[in-house]
Amino acid sequence: MVEHIIKDASALDVEWQKASASGANGDCVETAPHAGGVAVRHSKVPTGPALAYTEAEFRAFVAGVKAGEFDHLLGE
């Protein structure tokens, strides 16, 4: 089972990736493969917490984003 909160994301031995569309100010969400799933952290706080999701959870989230299910959060 994947723990959903990782207290210190920098302790993970993973390669973090941010979207190419991220702003130049470095204020981004980063993702990394972790324990059969995906970890997510804030790029400006690399030693802060990360959230861990199973592959199925992350796939469901990405599918929802692609389908526009979260557009209302951006005022769209």
PDB file of N, CA and C in Angstrom:
ATOM      1  N   MET A   1       0.839  -1.194   0.000  1.00  0.00           N
ATOM      2  CA  MET A   1       0.000   0.000   0.000  1.00  0.00           C
ATOM      3  C   MET A   1       0.877   1.248   0.000  1.00  0.00           C
ATOM      4  N   VAL A   2       0.480   2.232  -0.747  1.00  0.00           N
ATOM      5  CA  VAL A   2       1.206   3.493  -0.841  1.00  0.00           C
ATOM      6  C   VAL A   2       0.720   4.431   0.256  1.00  0.00           C
ATOM      7  N   GLU A   3       1.664   4.994   1.021  1.00  0.00           N
ATOM      8  CA  GLU A   3       1.299   6.028   1.986  1.00  0.00           C
ATOM      9  C   GLU A   3       0.903   7.269   1.192  1.00  0.00           C
ATOM     10  N   HIS A   4      -0.124   7.964   1.617  1.00  0.00           N
ATOM     11  CA  HIS A   4      -0.595   9.101   0.835  1.00  0.00           C
ATOM     12  C   HIS A   4       0.110  10.412   1.163  1.00  0.00           C
ATOM     13  N   ILE A   5       0.785  10.497   2.308  1.00  0.00           N
ATOM     14  CA  ILE A   5       1.534  11.708   2.640  1.00  0.00           C
ATOM     15  C   ILE A   5       2.970  11.319   2.956  1.00  0.00           C
ATOM     16  N   ILE A   6       3.894  11.928   2.226  1.00  0.00           N
ATOM     17  CA  ILE A   6       5.319  11.731   2.460  1.00  0.00           C
ATOM     18  C   ILE A   6       5.810  13.025   3.091  1.00  0.00           C
ATOM     19  N   LYS A   7       6.327  12.954   4.315  1.00  0.00           N
ATOM     20  CA  LYS A   7       6.658  14.172   5.061  1.00  0.00           C
ATOM     21  C   LYS A   7       7.786  14.982   4.439  1.00  0.00           C
ATOM     22  N   ASP A   8       8.813  14.323   3.891  1.00  0.00           N
ATOM     23  CA  ASP A   8       9.948  15.023   3.287  1.00  0.00           C
ATOM     24  C   ASP A   8      10.181  14.470   1.887  1.00  0.00           C
ATOM     25  N   ALA A   9       9.676  15.173   0.891  1.00  0.00           N
ATOM     26  CA  ALA A   9       9.762  14.698  -0.494  1.00  0.00           C
ATOM     27  C   ALA A   9      11.199  14.552  -0.971  1.00  0.00           C
ATOM     28  N   SER A  10      12.118  15.329  -0.399  1.00  0.00           N
ATOM     29  CA  SER A  10      13.513  15.249  -0.836  1.00  0.00           C
ATOM     30  C   SER A  10      14.169  13.937  -0.414  1.00  0.00           C
ATOM     31  N   ALA A  11      13.552  13.219   0.509  1.00  0.00           N
ATOM     32  CA  ALA A  11      14.099  11.937   0.963  1.00  0.00           C
ATOM     33  C   ALA A  11      13.860  10.818  -0.050  1.00  0.00           C
ATOM     34  N   LEU A  12      12.975  11.057  -1.009  1.00  0.00           N
ATOM     35  CA  LEU A  12      12.697  10.046  -2.027  1.00  0.00           C
ATOM     36  C   LEU A  12      13.831  10.007  -3.044  1.00  0.00           C
ATOM     37  N   ASP A  13      14.252   8.818  -3.402  1.00  0.00           N
ATOM     38  CA  ASP A  13      15.297   8.651  -4.410  1.00  0.00           C
ATOM     39  C   ASP A  13      14.632   8.539  -5.778  1.00  0.00           C
ATOM     40  N   VAL A  14      14.127   9.669  -6.269  1.00  0.00           N
ATOM     41  CA  VAL A  14      13.387   9.712  -7.533  1.00  0.00           C
ATOM     42  C   VAL A  14      13.836  10.929  -8.334  1.00  0.00           C
ATOM     43  N   GLU A  15      13.507  10.931  -9.606  1.00  0.00           N
ATOM     44  CA  GLU A  15      13.776  12.084 -10.459  1.00  0.00           C
ATOM     45  C   GLU A  15      12.470  12.837 -10.673  1.00  0.00           C
ATOM     46  N   TRP A  16      12.396  14.048 -10.136  1.00  0.00           N
ATOM     47  CA  TRP A  16      11.190  14.858 -10.225  1.00  0.00           C
ATOM     48  C   TRP A  16      11.089  15.513 -11.598  1.00  0.00           C
ATOM     49  N   GLN A  17       9.867  15.673 -12.083  1.00  0.00           N
ATOM     50  CA  GLN A  17       9.619  16.265 -13.401  1.00  0.00           C
ATOM     51  C   GLN A  17       8.497  17.285 -13.280  1.00  0.00           C
ATOM     52  N   LYS A  18       8.664  18.418 -13.963  1.00  0.00           N
ATOM     53  CA  LYS A  18       7.582  19.400 -14.012  1.00  0.00           C
ATOM     54  C   LYS A  18       7.150  19.581 -15.457  1.00  0.00           C
ATOM     55  N   ALA A  19       5.960  20.077 -15.638  1.00  0.00           N
ATOM     56  CA  ALA A  19       5.408  20.258 -16.977  1.00  0.00           C
ATOM     57  C   ALA A  19       6.186  21.321 -17.744  1.00  0.00           C
ATOM     58  N   SER A  20       6.317  21.126 -19.037  1.00  0.00           N
ATOM     59  CA  SER A  20       7.013  22.104 -19.875  1.00  0.00           C
ATOM     60  C   SER A  20       6.261  23.435 -19.912  1.00  0.00           C
ATOM     61  N   ALA A  21       4.975  23.421 -19.586  1.00  0.00           N
ATOM     62  CA  ALA A  21       4.171  24.646 -19.574  1.00  0.00           C
ATOM     63  C   ALA A  21       4.303  25.420 -18.266  1.00  0.00           C
ATOM     64  N   SER A  22       5.129  24.938 -17.351  1.00  0.00           N
ATOM     65  CA  SER A  22       5.305  25.608 -16.060  1.00  0.00           C
ATOM     66  C   SER A  22       5.898  26.993 -16.262  1.00  0.00           C
ATOM     67  N   GLY A  23       5.539  27.897 -15.376  1.00  0.00           N
ATOM     68  CA  GLY A  23       6.025  29.264 -15.465  1.00  0.00           C
ATOM     69  C   GLY A  23       7.504  29.387 -15.143  1.00  0.00           C
ATOM     70  N   ALA A  24       8.101  30.477 -15.564  1.00  0.00           N
ATOM     71  CA  ALA A  24       9.524  30.721 -15.358  1.00  0.00           C
ATOM     72  C   ALA A  24       9.867  31.021 -13.902  1.00  0.00           C
ATOM     73  N   ASN A  25       8.865  31.350 -13.084  1.00  0.00           N
ATOM     74  CA  ASN A  25       9.128  31.694 -11.685  1.00  0.00           C
ATOM     75  C   ASN A  25       9.358  30.474 -10.804  1.00  0.00           C
ATOM     76  N   GLY A  26       9.264  29.285 -11.362  1.00  0.00           N
ATOM     77  CA  GLY A  26       9.541  28.063 -10.613  1.00  0.00           C
ATOM     78  C   GLY A  26       8.421  27.619  -9.703  1.00  0.00           C
ATOM     79  N   ASP A  27       7.284  28.240  -9.785  1.00  0.00           N
ATOM     80  CA  ASP A  27       6.140  27.903  -8.943  1.00  0.00           C
ATOM     81  C   ASP A  27       5.338  26.806  -9.636  1.00  0.00           C
ATOM     82  N   CYS A  28       5.777  25.552  -9.454  1.00  0.00           N
ATOM     83  CA  CYS A  28       5.229  24.449 -10.237  1.00  0.00           C
ATOM     84  C   CYS A  28       4.887  23.241  -9.368  1.00  0.00           C
ATOM     85  N   VAL A  29       4.099  22.384  -9.943  1.00  0.00           N
ATOM     86  CA  VAL A  29       3.849  21.069  -9.372  1.00  0.00           C
ATOM     87  C   VAL A  29       4.804  20.112 -10.062  1.00  0.00           C
ATOM     88  N   GLU A  30       5.464  19.245  -9.282  1.00  0.00           N
ATOM     89  CA  GLU A  30       6.365  18.244  -9.841  1.00  0.00           C
ATOM     90  C   GLU A  30       5.825  16.857  -9.540  1.00  0.00           C
ATOM     91  N   THR A  31       6.105  15.927 -10.437  1.00  0.00           N
ATOM     92  CA  THR A  31       5.688  14.542 -10.251  1.00  0.00           C
ATOM     93  C   THR A  31       6.890  13.625 -10.395  1.00  0.00           C
ATOM     94  N   ALA A  32       6.774  12.437  -9.798  1.00  0.00           N
ATOM     95  CA  ALA A  32       7.831  11.431  -9.914  1.00  0.00           C
ATOM     96  C   ALA A  32       7.216  10.055  -9.697  1.00  0.00           C
ATOM     97  N   PRO A  33       7.743   9.045 -10.383  1.00  0.00           N
ATOM     98  CA  PRO A  33       7.277   7.687 -10.112  1.00  0.00           C
ATOM     99  C   PRO A  33       7.689   7.291  -8.699  1.00  0.00           C
ATOM    100  N   HIS A  34       6.788   6.613  -7.984  1.00  0.00           N
ATOM    101  CA  HIS A  34       7.082   6.228  -6.598  1.00  0.00           C
ATOM    102  C   HIS A  34       6.226   5.037  -6.191  1.00  0.00           C
ATOM    103  N   ALA A  35       6.858   3.974  -5.761  1.00  0.00           N
ATOM    104  CA  ALA A  35       6.182   2.799  -5.181  1.00  0.00           C
ATOM    105  C   ALA A  35       5.010   2.298  -6.024  1.00  0.00           C
ATOM    106  N   GLY A  36       5.215   2.191  -7.325  1.00  0.00           N
ATOM    107  CA  GLY A  36       4.154   1.708  -8.195  1.00  0.00           C
ATOM    108  C   GLY A  36       3.085   2.729  -8.498  1.00  0.00           C
ATOM    109  N   GLY A  37       3.328   3.967  -8.122  1.00  0.00           N
ATOM    110  CA  GLY A  37       2.368   5.032  -8.368  1.00  0.00           C
ATOM    111  C   GLY A  37       3.090   6.313  -8.713  1.00  0.00           C
ATOM    112  N   VAL A  38       2.539   7.436  -8.256  1.00  0.00           N
ATOM    113  CA  VAL A  38       3.094   8.748  -8.572  1.00  0.00           C
ATOM    114  C   VAL A  38       3.100   9.612  -7.315  1.00  0.00           C
ATOM    115  N   ALA A  39       4.218  10.306  -7.086  1.00  0.00           N
ATOM    116  CA  ALA A  39       4.309  11.280  -6.001  1.00  0.00           C
ATOM    117  C   ALA A  39       4.195  12.672  -6.613  1.00  0.00           C
ATOM    118  N   VAL A  40       3.588  13.602  -5.874  1.00  0.00           N
ATOM    119  CA  VAL A  40       3.366  14.972  -6.342  1.00  0.00           C
ATOM    120  C   VAL A  40       3.831  15.927  -5.246  1.00  0.00           C
ATOM    121  N   ARG A  41       4.626  16.942  -5.636  1.00  0.00           N
ATOM    122  CA  ARG A  41       5.101  17.934  -4.659  1.00  0.00           C
ATOM    123  C   ARG A  41       5.115  19.320  -5.278  1.00  0.00           C
ATOM    124  N   HIS A  42       5.294  20.329  -4.435  1.00  0.00           N
ATOM    125  CA  HIS A  42       5.421  21.724  -4.872  1.00  0.00           C
ATOM    126  C   HIS A  42       6.905  21.990  -5.114  1.00  0.00           C
ATOM    127  N   SER A  43       7.256  22.504  -6.274  1.00  0.00           N
ATOM    128  CA  SER A  43       8.665  22.690  -6.632  1.00  0.00           C
ATOM    129  C   SER A  43       9.394  23.693  -5.739  1.00  0.00           C
ATOM    130  N   LYS A  44       8.683  24.650  -5.183  1.00  0.00           N
ATOM    131  CA  LYS A  44       9.339  25.649  -4.335  1.00  0.00           C
ATOM    132  C   LYS A  44       9.613  25.142  -2.925  1.00  0.00           C
ATOM    133  N   VAL A  45       9.096  23.962  -2.596  1.00  0.00           N
ATOM    134  CA  VAL A  45       9.299  23.398  -1.260  1.00  0.00           C
ATOM    135  C   VAL A  45       9.776  21.946  -1.414  1.00  0.00           C
ATOM    136  N   PRO A  46      10.978  21.729  -1.951  1.00  0.00           N
ATOM    137  CA  PRO A  46      11.430  20.366  -2.228  1.00  0.00           C
ATOM    138  C   PRO A  46      11.602  19.494  -0.985  1.00  0.00           C
ATOM    139  N   THR A  47      11.807  20.104   0.179  1.00  0.00           N
ATOM    140  CA  THR A  47      11.924  19.312   1.406  1.00  0.00           C
ATOM    141  C   THR A  47      10.598  19.209   2.146  1.00  0.00           C
ATOM    142  N   GLY A  48       9.564  19.779   1.569  1.00  0.00           N
ATOM    143  CA  GLY A  48       8.234  19.710   2.165  1.00  0.00           C
ATOM    144  C   GLY A  48       7.552  18.402   1.831  1.00  0.00           C
ATOM    145  N   PRO A  49       6.284  18.310   2.136  1.00  0.00           N
ATOM    146  CA  PRO A  49       5.559  17.060   1.913  1.00  0.00           C
ATOM    147  C   PRO A  49       5.242  16.815   0.442  1.00  0.00           C
ATOM    148  N   ALA A  50       4.989  15.562   0.151  1.00  0.00           N
ATOM    149  CA  ALA A  50       4.504  15.150  -1.168  1.00  0.00           C
ATOM    150  C   ALA A  50       3.284  14.279  -0.944  1.00  0.00           C
ATOM    151  N   LEU A  51       2.424  14.242  -1.915  1.00  0.00           N
ATOM    152  CA  LEU A  51       1.271  13.344  -1.886  1.00  0.00           C
ATOM    153  C   LEU A  51       1.570  12.184  -2.817  1.00  0.00           C
ATOM    154  N   ALA A  52       1.259  10.982  -2.373  1.00  0.00           N
ATOM    155  CA  ALA A  52       1.505   9.788  -3.180  1.00  0.00           C
ATOM    156  C   ALA A  52       0.179   9.172  -3.591  1.00  0.00           C
ATOM    157  N   TYR A  53       0.112   8.791  -4.852  1.00  0.00           N
ATOM    158  CA  TYR A  53      -1.097   8.195  -5.408  1.00  0.00           C
ATOM    159  C   TYR A  53      -0.753   6.879  -6.080  1.00  0.00           C
ATOM    160  N   THR A  54      -1.678   5.948  -6.041  1.00  0.00           N
ATOM    161  CA  THR A  54      -1.494   4.712  -6.789  1.00  0.00           C
ATOM    162  C   THR A  54      -1.583   5.052  -8.274  1.00  0.00           C
ATOM    163  N   GLU A  55      -1.141   4.142  -9.109  1.00  0.00           N
ATOM    164  CA  GLU A  55      -1.235   4.376 -10.550  1.00  0.00           C
ATOM    165  C   GLU A  55      -2.690   4.581 -10.968  1.00  0.00           C
ATOM    166  N   ALA A  56      -3.584   3.774 -10.411  1.00  0.00           N
ATOM    167  CA  ALA A  56      -5.008   3.890 -10.760  1.00  0.00           C
ATOM    168  C   ALA A  56      -5.570   5.250 -10.347  1.00  0.00           C
ATOM    169  N   GLU A  57      -5.207   5.720  -9.164  1.00  0.00           N
ATOM    170  CA  GLU A  57      -5.681   7.031  -8.708  1.00  0.00           C
ATOM    171  C   GLU A  57      -5.180   8.145  -9.624  1.00  0.00           C
ATOM    172  N   PHE A  58      -3.900   8.085  -9.977  1.00  0.00           N
ATOM    173  CA  PHE A  58      -3.335   9.136 -10.815  1.00  0.00           C
ATOM    174  C   PHE A  58      -3.910   9.087 -12.227  1.00  0.00           C
ATOM    175  N   ARG A  59      -4.108   7.885 -12.762  1.00  0.00           N
ATOM    176  CA  ARG A  59      -4.725   7.752 -14.094  1.00  0.00           C
ATOM    177  C   ARG A  59      -6.136   8.358 -14.094  1.00  0.00           C
ATOM    178  N   ALA A  60      -6.897   8.118 -13.021  1.00  0.00           N
ATOM    179  CA  ALA A  60      -8.250   8.671 -12.921  1.00  0.00           C
ATOM    180  C   ALA A  60      -8.205  10.199 -12.870  1.00  0.00           C
ATOM    181  N   PHE A  61      -7.247  10.750 -12.137  1.00  0.00           N
ATOM    182  CA  PHE A  61      -7.102  12.200 -12.061  1.00  0.00           C
ATOM    183  C   PHE A  61      -6.756  12.785 -13.429  1.00  0.00           C
ATOM    184  N   VAL A  62      -5.770  12.211 -14.099  1.00  0.00           N
ATOM    185  CA  VAL A  62      -5.364  12.706 -15.420  1.00  0.00           C
ATOM    186  C   VAL A  62      -6.526  12.619 -16.408  1.00  0.00           C
ATOM    187  N   ALA A  63      -7.271  11.523 -16.361  1.00  0.00           N
ATOM    188  CA  ALA A  63      -8.435  11.380 -17.246  1.00  0.00           C
ATOM    189  C   ALA A  63      -9.453  12.479 -16.969  1.00  0.00           C
ATOM    190  N   GLY A  64      -9.672  12.796 -15.692  1.00  0.00           N
ATOM    191  CA  GLY A  64     -10.596  13.867 -15.327  1.00  0.00           C
ATOM    192  C   GLY A  64     -10.129  15.226 -15.820  1.00  0.00           C
ATOM    193  N   VAL A  65      -8.823  15.479 -15.713  1.00  0.00           N
ATOM    194  CA  VAL A  65      -8.267  16.741 -16.218  1.00  0.00           C
ATOM    195  C   VAL A  65      -8.479  16.836 -17.725  1.00  0.00           C
ATOM    196  N   LYS A  66      -8.143  15.757 -18.434  1.00  0.00           N
ATOM    197  CA  LYS A  66      -8.302  15.758 -19.896  1.00  0.00           C
ATOM    198  C   LYS A  66      -9.760  15.934 -20.316  1.00  0.00           C
ATOM    199  N   ALA A  67     -10.681  15.430 -19.510  1.00  0.00           N
ATOM    200  CA  ALA A  67     -12.111  15.530 -19.827  1.00  0.00           C
ATOM    201  C   ALA A  67     -12.714  16.873 -19.413  1.00  0.00           C
ATOM    202  N   GLY A  68     -11.914  17.736 -18.785  1.00  0.00           N
ATOM    203  CA  GLY A  68     -12.405  19.052 -18.391  1.00  0.00           C
ATOM    204  C   GLY A  68     -13.175  19.069 -17.085  1.00  0.00           C
ATOM    205  N   GLU A  69     -13.088  17.998 -16.302  1.00  0.00           N
ATOM    206  CA  GLU A  69     -13.865  17.906 -15.065  1.00  0.00           C
ATOM    207  C   GLU A  69     -13.429  18.902 -13.993  1.00  0.00           C
ATOM    208  N   PHE A  70     -12.262  19.504 -14.138  1.00  0.00           N
ATOM    209  CA  PHE A  70     -11.764  20.439 -13.136  1.00  0.00           C
ATOM    210  C   PHE A  70     -11.676  21.869 -13.661  1.00  0.00           C
ATOM    211  N   ASP A  71     -12.181  22.105 -14.863  1.00  0.00           N
ATOM    212  CA  ASP A  71     -12.116  23.440 -15.460  1.00  0.00           C
ATOM    213  C   ASP A  71     -12.792  24.496 -14.593  1.00  0.00           C
ATOM    214  N   HIS A  72     -13.828  24.119 -13.863  1.00  0.00           N
ATOM    215  CA  HIS A  72     -14.542  25.084 -13.012  1.00  0.00           C
ATOM    216  C   HIS A  72     -13.638  25.658 -11.919  1.00  0.00           C
ATOM    217  N   LEU A  73     -12.578  24.948 -11.557  1.00  0.00           N
ATOM    218  CA  LEU A  73     -11.651  25.443 -10.541  1.00  0.00           C
ATOM    219  C   LEU A  73     -10.813  26.609 -11.061  1.00  0.00           C
ATOM    220  N   LEU A  74     -10.767  26.746 -12.376  1.00  0.00           N
ATOM    221  CA  LEU A  74     -10.000  27.819 -13.012  1.00  0.00           C
ATOM    222  C   LEU A  74     -10.901  28.916 -13.550  1.00  0.00           C
ATOM    223  N   GLY A  75     -12.165  28.861 -13.192  1.00  0.00           N
ATOM    224  CA  GLY A  75     -13.113  29.863 -13.642  1.00  0.00           C
ATOM    225  C   GLY A  75     -13.513  29.698 -15.101  1.00  0.00           C
ATOM    226  N   GLU A  76     -13.353  28.500 -15.613  1.00  0.00           N
ATOM    227  CA  GLU A  76     -13.697  28.250 -17.025  1.00  0.00           C
ATOM    228  C   GLU A  76     -15.034  27.571 -17.138  1.00  0.00           C
TER     229      GLU A  76
END
